[in-house]
Amino acid sequence: MKSFRELIVWQKSMDFVTEVYELTSAFPEDEKFGLTNQIRRASVSIPSNIAEGFGRKSDGDFGRFLSIAIGSNYEVQTQLEIAKNVGYLELGDLNRAINELEEIDKMLKGLKSKMK
């Protein structure tokens, strides 16, 4: 594999970031520097860590960055549930996002297990 861009998990996580920006654009303006920013930053962290780990050219480093991406995935899941609980997100939108994050999680863990 020549580029991180060839990784399906990177592609899916990039698509997810776009969805997060669309979802959070409807959040209240006073959340711009609060929950909106947190969710966006954590979602951006997923493909960013995949790319950075790939670029390290070491299985050990790549595995470590995949672990960080997994943690960011869980962070986004938690923050989206908070957004739903405070009324910023509909249940259907939350469920769709969680399903996508769970798929990304499985892919990250599968890739990480191949590193061992």
Protein backbone atom coordinates (compact mmCIF):
# COMPACT_ATOMS: atom_id res chain seq x y z
CA MET A 1 0.00 0.00 0.00
CA LYS A 2 1.48 3.31 -1.07
CA SER A 3 -0.76 5.79 0.71
CA PHE A 4 -3.02 6.05 3.73
CA ARG A 5 -5.65 7.29 1.27
CA GLU A 6 -6.00 3.70 0.06
CA LEU A 7 -7.19 2.54 3.50
CA ILE A 8 -10.96 2.08 3.50
CA VAL A 9 -11.08 2.97 7.21
CA TRP A 10 -9.40 6.31 6.45
CA GLN A 11 -11.90 6.96 3.64
CA LYS A 12 -14.87 6.10 5.86
CA SER A 13 -13.59 8.24 8.70
CA MET A 14 -13.09 11.17 6.30
CA ASP A 15 -16.70 10.79 5.13
CA PHE A 16 -17.77 10.70 8.76
CA VAL A 17 -16.00 14.00 9.48
CA THR A 18 -18.05 15.63 6.71
CA GLU A 19 -21.23 14.24 8.28
CA VAL A 20 -20.20 15.56 11.69
CA TYR A 21 -19.73 19.06 10.29
CA GLU A 22 -23.20 18.87 8.73
CA LEU A 23 -24.80 17.56 11.94
CA THR A 24 -23.13 20.10 14.20
CA SER A 25 -23.88 23.04 11.91
CA ALA A 26 -27.43 22.92 13.31
CA PHE A 27 -26.24 23.17 16.93
CA PRO A 28 -26.92 26.44 18.76
CA GLU A 29 -24.49 29.28 18.04
CA ASP A 30 -23.52 29.48 21.72
CA GLU A 31 -22.14 25.92 21.42
CA LYS A 32 -19.71 26.96 18.68
CA PHE A 33 -16.74 26.84 21.06
CA GLY A 34 -18.19 24.13 23.28
CA LEU A 35 -19.68 20.83 22.26
CA THR A 36 -19.60 21.64 18.53
CA ASN A 37 -15.87 22.24 18.63
CA GLN A 38 -15.21 19.17 20.78
CA ILE A 39 -17.15 16.83 18.48
CA ARG A 40 -15.52 18.23 15.37
CA ARG A 41 -12.00 18.04 16.78
CA ALA A 42 -12.45 14.47 18.02
CA SER A 43 -13.91 13.34 14.69
CA VAL A 44 -11.06 14.99 12.76
CA SER A 45 -8.64 13.16 15.05
CA ILE A 46 -9.74 9.76 13.72
CA PRO A 47 -8.53 10.04 10.09
CA SER A 48 -5.68 12.32 11.15
CA ASN A 49 -4.21 9.68 13.45
CA ILE A 50 -4.65 6.98 10.82
CA ALA A 51 -2.69 9.12 8.36
CA GLU A 52 -0.01 10.13 10.85
CA GLY A 53 0.51 6.56 12.02
CA PHE A 54 0.76 5.31 8.45
CA GLY A 55 3.37 7.95 7.74
CA ARG A 56 5.59 6.79 10.60
CA LYS A 57 6.58 3.70 8.57
CA SER A 58 6.72 1.55 11.69
CA ASP A 59 4.13 -1.06 12.69
CA GLY A 60 4.59 -0.16 16.35
CA ASP A 61 3.99 3.53 15.73
CA PHE A 62 1.11 2.82 13.39
CA GLY A 63 -0.52 0.60 16.02
CA ARG A 64 -0.12 3.33 18.64
CA PHE A 65 -1.77 5.92 16.39
CA LEU A 66 -4.58 3.48 15.58
CA SER A 67 -5.17 3.20 19.34
CA ILE A 68 -5.45 6.98 19.54
CA ALA A 69 -7.94 6.92 16.64
CA ILE A 70 -9.99 4.30 18.51
CA GLY A 71 -10.01 6.52 21.60
CA SER A 72 -11.15 9.49 19.51
CA ASN A 73 -13.93 7.34 18.08
CA TYR A 74 -15.22 6.62 21.60
CA GLU A 75 -14.88 10.28 22.48
CA VAL A 76 -17.09 11.25 19.51
CA GLN A 77 -19.66 8.60 20.45
CA THR A 78 -19.87 10.00 23.97
CA GLN A 79 -20.11 13.61 22.81
CA LEU A 80 -22.84 12.78 20.30
CA GLU A 81 -24.84 11.09 23.05
CA ILE A 82 -24.44 14.22 25.16
CA ALA A 83 -25.65 16.30 22.21
CA LYS A 84 -28.72 14.07 21.93
CA ASN A 85 -29.36 14.25 25.68
CA VAL A 86 -29.34 18.06 25.68
CA GLY A 87 -31.62 18.21 22.64
CA TYR A 88 -29.16 19.18 19.89
CA LEU A 89 -29.40 15.89 18.02
CA GLU A 90 -32.32 13.68 17.02
CA LEU A 91 -32.29 10.00 18.01
CA GLY A 92 -32.23 8.87 14.36
CA ASP A 93 -29.20 11.03 13.61
CA LEU A 94 -27.45 9.74 16.73
CA ASN A 95 -28.15 6.12 15.81
CA ARG A 96 -26.84 6.58 12.26
CA ALA A 97 -23.68 8.24 13.54
CA ILE A 98 -23.10 5.58 16.19
CA ASN A 99 -23.55 2.81 13.61
CA GLU A 100 -20.94 4.43 11.38
CA LEU A 101 -18.56 4.89 14.30
CA GLU A 102 -19.00 1.26 15.35
CA GLU A 103 -18.13 0.16 11.80
CA ILE A 104 -15.05 2.40 11.83
CA ASP A 105 -14.12 0.99 15.25
CA LYS A 106 -14.23 -2.59 13.96
CA MET A 107 -12.09 -1.63 10.99
CA LEU A 108 -9.55 0.15 13.19
CA LYS A 109 -9.32 -2.82 15.53
CA GLY A 110 -8.97 -5.21 12.59
CA LEU A 111 -6.18 -3.14 11.10
CA LYS A 112 -4.48 -2.88 14.49
CA SER A 113 -4.61 -6.64 14.99
CA LYS A 114 -2.82 -7.07 11.64
CA MET A 115 0.00 -4.91 12.99
CA LYS A 116 0.81 -7.49 15.70
